Amino acid sequence: MKKIAIYNCLKANNVCTGAACMNALNNRKAGFEVYKDEEVELIAFMRCNGCSKAPDKDEGMQEKLEKIVSMNPDALHIGKCTINKDKKECSKITKAAEILESKGVQVIRGTH
């Protein structure tokens, strides 16, 4: 069974219920198609801490990232809500992904 986590933008809380990510996961669509013939356990559904601090300067975010690492996920999927209006990934999300990758977590861009 694959253990995965999902990482989304805090600002997305204004409009996001998480339903599109869950639907894609449950139906193995879009970013979750790679698991189409596998059982999956969702071990975390986390949000960033907002735009004010970089993840490596935010103690709370560092704690969240360490928790993810300690759970030993097979992958962490980054939600499409992390792409800004300029079609680029949020720099805070990118930095958090780099931290996770440096600790051996596979990061996959894409959920629904």
N, C-alpha and C. Protein backbone atom coordinates (compact mmCIF):
# COMPACT_ATOMS: atom_id res chain seq x y z
N MET A 1 0.83 -1.17 0.00
CA MET A 1 0.00 0.00 0.00
C MET A 1 0.89 1.25 0.00
N LYS A 2 0.56 2.17 -0.87
CA LYS A 2 1.31 3.42 -0.96
C LYS A 2 0.77 4.41 0.07
N LYS A 3 1.69 5.06 0.78
CA LYS A 3 1.34 6.12 1.72
C LYS A 3 1.65 7.45 1.06
N ILE A 4 0.62 8.30 0.96
CA ILE A 4 0.85 9.59 0.31
C ILE A 4 0.33 10.73 1.20
N ALA A 5 0.87 11.91 0.92
CA ALA A 5 0.42 13.13 1.57
C ALA A 5 0.10 14.13 0.47
N ILE A 6 -0.77 15.08 0.80
CA ILE A 6 -1.14 16.15 -0.13
C ILE A 6 -0.80 17.47 0.55
N TYR A 7 -0.22 18.37 -0.22
CA TYR A 7 0.23 19.67 0.27
C TYR A 7 -0.40 20.76 -0.57
N ASN A 8 -1.18 21.63 0.06
CA ASN A 8 -1.90 22.68 -0.65
C ASN A 8 -1.62 24.06 -0.09
N CYS A 9 -2.11 25.06 -0.80
CA CYS A 9 -1.95 26.47 -0.45
C CYS A 9 -2.96 26.90 0.61
N LEU A 10 -2.48 27.61 1.62
CA LEU A 10 -3.36 28.12 2.67
C LEU A 10 -4.42 29.05 2.10
N LYS A 11 -4.04 29.90 1.15
CA LYS A 11 -5.01 30.82 0.54
C LYS A 11 -6.16 30.07 -0.14
N ALA A 12 -5.90 28.85 -0.57
CA ALA A 12 -6.94 28.06 -1.24
C ALA A 12 -8.10 27.76 -0.30
N ASN A 13 -7.88 27.87 1.01
CA ASN A 13 -8.96 27.64 1.97
C ASN A 13 -10.17 28.53 1.70
N ASN A 14 -9.94 29.66 1.06
CA ASN A 14 -11.05 30.57 0.76
C ASN A 14 -12.07 29.94 -0.17
N VAL A 15 -11.63 29.03 -1.02
CA VAL A 15 -12.54 28.44 -2.00
C VAL A 15 -12.48 26.91 -2.07
N CYS A 16 -11.55 26.32 -1.35
CA CYS A 16 -11.28 24.88 -1.50
C CYS A 16 -11.85 24.06 -0.34
N THR A 17 -12.55 23.00 -0.71
CA THR A 17 -13.02 22.04 0.29
C THR A 17 -12.11 20.82 0.35
N GLY A 18 -11.21 20.70 -0.62
CA GLY A 18 -10.38 19.51 -0.73
C GLY A 18 -11.07 18.43 -1.55
N ALA A 19 -12.31 18.66 -1.94
CA ALA A 19 -13.10 17.65 -2.65
C ALA A 19 -12.49 17.25 -3.99
N ALA A 20 -11.96 18.21 -4.73
CA ALA A 20 -11.38 17.87 -6.04
C ALA A 20 -10.15 16.98 -5.88
N CYS A 21 -9.32 17.28 -4.89
CA CYS A 21 -8.15 16.43 -4.62
C CYS A 21 -8.61 15.03 -4.19
N MET A 22 -9.59 14.98 -3.30
CA MET A 22 -10.07 13.67 -2.82
C MET A 22 -10.72 12.87 -3.94
N ASN A 23 -11.47 13.55 -4.79
CA ASN A 23 -12.11 12.87 -5.92
C ASN A 23 -11.05 12.30 -6.86
N ALA A 24 -10.04 13.11 -7.17
CA ALA A 24 -8.97 12.63 -8.05
C ALA A 24 -8.24 11.45 -7.42
N LEU A 25 -7.98 11.53 -6.13
CA LEU A 25 -7.32 10.43 -5.43
C LEU A 25 -8.18 9.17 -5.45
N ASN A 26 -9.43 9.32 -5.04
CA ASN A 26 -10.31 8.15 -4.96
C ASN A 26 -10.55 7.48 -6.30
N ASN A 27 -10.53 8.28 -7.36
CA ASN A 27 -10.78 7.74 -8.70
C ASN A 27 -9.50 7.54 -9.51
N ARG A 28 -8.34 7.77 -8.85
CA ARG A 28 -7.02 7.61 -9.48
C ARG A 28 -6.94 8.36 -10.80
N LYS A 29 -7.31 9.63 -10.75
CA LYS A 29 -7.27 10.50 -11.92
C LYS A 29 -6.16 11.53 -11.77
N ALA A 30 -5.83 12.17 -12.86
CA ALA A 30 -4.85 13.27 -12.91
C ALA A 30 -3.56 12.86 -12.20
N GLY A 31 -3.14 13.61 -11.20
CA GLY A 31 -1.88 13.34 -10.52
C GLY A 31 -1.81 12.01 -9.79
N PHE A 32 -2.97 11.41 -9.55
CA PHE A 32 -3.01 10.15 -8.82
C PHE A 32 -3.16 8.93 -9.73
N GLU A 33 -3.15 9.16 -11.01
CA GLU A 33 -3.28 8.06 -11.97
C GLU A 33 -2.14 7.05 -11.82
N VAL A 34 -1.01 7.49 -11.32
CA VAL A 34 0.14 6.58 -11.14
C VAL A 34 -0.18 5.45 -10.16
N TYR A 35 -1.25 5.60 -9.38
CA TYR A 35 -1.63 4.57 -8.41
C TYR A 35 -2.84 3.76 -8.87
N LYS A 36 -3.15 3.79 -10.16
CA LYS A 36 -4.41 3.21 -10.63
C LYS A 36 -4.60 1.75 -10.25
N ASP A 37 -3.54 1.00 -10.09
CA ASP A 37 -3.67 -0.41 -9.74
C ASP A 37 -3.15 -0.70 -8.33
N GLU A 38 -3.12 0.32 -7.48
CA GLU A 38 -2.56 0.15 -6.14
C GLU A 38 -3.51 0.67 -5.07
N GLU A 39 -3.34 0.12 -3.89
CA GLU A 39 -4.04 0.66 -2.73
C GLU A 39 -3.24 1.85 -2.23
N VAL A 40 -3.96 2.87 -1.77
CA VAL A 40 -3.33 4.09 -1.29
C VAL A 40 -3.92 4.47 0.06
N GLU A 41 -3.04 4.92 0.94
CA GLU A 41 -3.47 5.47 2.22
C GLU A 41 -3.07 6.93 2.25
N LEU A 42 -4.03 7.82 2.46
CA LEU A 42 -3.74 9.23 2.61
C LEU A 42 -3.33 9.45 4.06
N ILE A 43 -2.07 9.81 4.27
CA ILE A 43 -1.56 9.95 5.64
C ILE A 43 -1.54 11.39 6.13
N ALA A 44 -1.65 12.35 5.20
CA ALA A 44 -1.68 13.76 5.60
C ALA A 44 -2.27 14.60 4.48
N PHE A 45 -3.01 15.64 4.88
CA PHE A 45 -3.54 16.64 3.96
C PHE A 45 -3.21 17.96 4.62
N MET A 46 -2.12 18.57 4.18
CA MET A 46 -1.62 19.76 4.87
C MET A 46 -1.68 21.00 4.00
N ARG A 47 -1.69 22.13 4.66
CA ARG A 47 -1.65 23.43 4.00
C ARG A 47 -0.34 24.11 4.37
N CYS A 48 0.10 25.02 3.52
CA CYS A 48 1.26 25.83 3.88
C CYS A 48 0.86 26.75 5.03
N ASN A 49 1.80 27.54 5.53
CA ASN A 49 1.50 28.47 6.62
C ASN A 49 1.28 29.89 6.12
N GLY A 50 1.10 30.04 4.83
CA GLY A 50 0.86 31.36 4.27
C GLY A 50 2.10 31.96 3.64
N CYS A 51 1.96 33.17 3.23
CA CYS A 51 2.99 33.82 2.42
C CYS A 51 4.00 34.65 3.20
N SER A 52 3.83 34.76 4.50
CA SER A 52 4.66 35.72 5.24
C SER A 52 6.08 35.25 5.51
N LYS A 53 6.31 33.95 5.65
CA LYS A 53 7.65 33.46 5.96
C LYS A 53 8.04 32.31 5.03
N ALA A 54 9.30 32.25 4.72
CA ALA A 54 9.83 31.11 3.97
C ALA A 54 9.81 29.88 4.89
N PRO A 55 9.56 28.70 4.34
CA PRO A 55 9.46 27.50 5.17
C PRO A 55 10.69 27.23 6.04
N ASP A 56 11.87 27.58 5.55
CA ASP A 56 13.08 27.34 6.33
C ASP A 56 13.28 28.37 7.43
N LYS A 57 12.40 29.37 7.49
CA LYS A 57 12.46 30.41 8.53
C LYS A 57 11.24 30.34 9.46
N ASP A 58 10.33 29.43 9.20
CA ASP A 58 9.07 29.32 9.92
C ASP A 58 9.09 28.05 10.78
N GLU A 59 9.19 28.23 12.10
CA GLU A 59 9.29 27.07 12.99
C GLU A 59 8.10 26.13 12.87
N GLY A 60 6.91 26.68 12.73
CA GLY A 60 5.73 25.84 12.59
C GLY A 60 5.77 25.00 11.32
N MET A 61 6.19 25.62 10.23
CA MET A 61 6.28 24.87 8.98
C MET A 61 7.39 23.83 9.04
N GLN A 62 8.49 24.17 9.68
CA GLN A 62 9.56 23.19 9.85
C GLN A 62 9.04 21.97 10.61
N GLU A 63 8.22 22.22 11.63
CA GLU A 63 7.64 21.12 12.40
C GLU A 63 6.73 20.27 11.53
N LYS A 64 5.92 20.91 10.69
CA LYS A 64 5.04 20.17 9.78
C LYS A 64 5.85 19.31 8.82
N LEU A 65 6.89 19.89 8.24
CA LEU A 65 7.70 19.15 7.28
C LEU A 65 8.40 17.96 7.93
N GLU A 66 8.90 18.16 9.15
CA GLU A 66 9.54 17.06 9.87
C GLU A 66 8.53 15.95 10.17
N LYS A 67 7.29 16.33 10.48
CA LYS A 67 6.25 15.33 10.73
C LYS A 67 6.00 14.51 9.47
N ILE A 68 5.92 15.18 8.34
CA ILE A 68 5.74 14.45 7.07
C ILE A 68 6.89 13.48 6.85
N VAL A 69 8.12 13.94 7.02
CA VAL A 69 9.29 13.09 6.84
C VAL A 69 9.22 11.87 7.77
N SER A 70 8.83 12.11 9.01
CA SER A 70 8.78 11.01 10.00
C SER A 70 7.71 9.97 9.66
N MET A 71 6.71 10.37 8.88
CA MET A 71 5.65 9.44 8.48
C MET A 71 6.08 8.56 7.31
N ASN A 72 7.24 8.87 6.72
CA ASN A 72 7.82 8.09 5.64
C ASN A 72 6.85 7.84 4.48
N PRO A 73 6.33 8.92 3.87
CA PRO A 73 5.41 8.72 2.75
C PRO A 73 6.13 8.21 1.51
N ASP A 74 5.39 7.51 0.67
CA ASP A 74 5.93 7.11 -0.62
C ASP A 74 6.00 8.31 -1.55
N ALA A 75 5.10 9.26 -1.34
CA ALA A 75 5.11 10.49 -2.14
C ALA A 75 4.29 11.57 -1.45
N LEU A 76 4.63 12.80 -1.77
CA LEU A 76 3.84 13.96 -1.37
C LEU A 76 3.41 14.65 -2.65
N HIS A 77 2.11 14.83 -2.82
CA HIS A 77 1.57 15.50 -4.00
C HIS A 77 1.30 16.96 -3.69
N ILE A 78 1.74 17.83 -4.57
CA ILE A 78 1.52 19.27 -4.41
C ILE A 78 0.31 19.66 -5.27
N GLY A 79 -0.66 20.29 -4.63
CA GLY A 79 -1.90 20.67 -5.29
C GLY A 79 -1.73 21.73 -6.37
N LYS A 80 -2.66 21.70 -7.31
CA LYS A 80 -2.60 22.68 -8.39
C LYS A 80 -2.90 24.09 -7.90
N CYS A 81 -3.44 24.21 -6.69
CA CYS A 81 -3.71 25.53 -6.11
C CYS A 81 -2.43 26.28 -5.77
N THR A 82 -1.29 25.62 -5.86
CA THR A 82 -0.01 26.27 -5.55
C THR A 82 0.59 26.99 -6.75
N ILE A 83 -0.10 26.92 -7.87
CA ILE A 83 0.34 27.62 -9.08
C ILE A 83 -0.30 29.00 -9.08
N ASN A 84 0.50 30.05 -9.18
CA ASN A 84 -0.04 31.40 -9.11
C ASN A 84 -0.58 31.89 -10.44
N LYS A 85 -1.08 33.11 -10.43
CA LYS A 85 -1.69 33.67 -11.64
C LYS A 85 -0.71 33.80 -12.80
N ASP A 86 0.59 33.80 -12.50
CA ASP A 86 1.62 33.87 -13.54
C ASP A 86 2.02 32.48 -14.03
N LYS A 87 1.26 31.47 -13.60
CA LYS A 87 1.49 30.07 -14.00
C LYS A 87 2.80 29.50 -13.45
N LYS A 88 3.23 30.03 -12.30
CA LYS A 88 4.44 29.55 -11.65
C LYS A 88 4.08 29.03 -10.26
N GLU A 89 4.84 28.05 -9.82
CA GLU A 89 4.62 27.53 -8.48
C GLU A 89 5.05 28.56 -7.45
N CYS A 90 4.27 28.67 -6.38
CA CYS A 90 4.60 29.57 -5.28
C CYS A 90 6.01 29.26 -4.77
N SER A 91 6.80 30.30 -4.56
CA SER A 91 8.19 30.10 -4.13
C SER A 91 8.27 29.45 -2.75
N LYS A 92 7.29 29.70 -1.89
CA LYS A 92 7.28 29.08 -0.55
C LYS A 92 7.02 27.58 -0.67
N ILE A 93 6.14 27.21 -1.57
CA ILE A 93 5.84 25.79 -1.81
C ILE A 93 7.07 25.11 -2.41
N THR A 94 7.70 25.77 -3.37
CA THR A 94 8.90 25.21 -4.00
C THR A 94 9.98 24.96 -2.95
N LYS A 95 10.19 25.93 -2.05
CA LYS A 95 11.21 25.77 -1.00
C LYS A 95 10.86 24.61 -0.08
N ALA A 96 9.61 24.49 0.31
CA ALA A 96 9.20 23.37 1.17
C ALA A 96 9.42 22.04 0.45
N ALA A 97 9.10 22.00 -0.84
CA ALA A 97 9.32 20.78 -1.62
C ALA A 97 10.80 20.43 -1.67
N GLU A 98 11.65 21.42 -1.83
CA GLU A 98 13.10 21.19 -1.85
C GLU A 98 13.58 20.62 -0.51
N ILE A 99 13.04 21.15 0.58
CA ILE A 99 13.41 20.63 1.90
C ILE A 99 13.00 19.17 2.02
N LEU A 100 11.78 18.85 1.61
CA LEU A 100 11.31 17.46 1.69
C LEU A 100 12.14 16.55 0.80
N GLU A 101 12.41 16.99 -0.42
CA GLU A 101 13.22 16.17 -1.33
C GLU A 101 14.61 15.93 -0.76
N SER A 102 15.19 16.92 -0.10
CA SER A 102 16.53 16.76 0.48
C SER A 102 16.53 15.73 1.61
N LYS A 103 15.33 15.45 2.13
CA LYS A 103 15.20 14.47 3.21
C LYS A 103 14.64 13.13 2.70
N GLY A 104 14.62 12.98 1.38
CA GLY A 104 14.26 11.70 0.78
C GLY A 104 12.80 11.50 0.43
N VAL A 105 11.98 12.54 0.53
CA VAL A 105 10.56 12.42 0.19
C VAL A 105 10.40 12.70 -1.31
N GLN A 106 9.72 11.79 -2.00
CA GLN A 106 9.42 12.02 -3.41
C GLN A 106 8.29 13.04 -3.50
N VAL A 107 8.51 14.10 -4.27
CA VAL A 107 7.51 15.13 -4.45
C VAL A 107 6.97 15.05 -5.87
N ILE A 108 5.64 15.01 -5.96
CA ILE A 108 4.98 14.95 -7.26
C ILE A 108 4.10 16.19 -7.41
N ARG A 109 4.31 16.91 -8.49
CA ARG A 109 3.48 18.08 -8.74
C ARG A 109 2.19 17.62 -9.39
N GLY A 110 1.09 17.86 -8.71
CA GLY A 110 -0.21 17.56 -9.28
C GLY A 110 -1.12 16.73 -8.38
N THR A 111 -2.34 17.15 -8.36
CA THR A 111 -3.40 16.42 -7.66
C THR A 111 -4.54 16.22 -8.65
N HIS A 112 -5.40 17.22 -8.80
CA HIS A 112 -6.53 17.09 -9.74
C HIS A 112 -6.33 17.94 -10.96
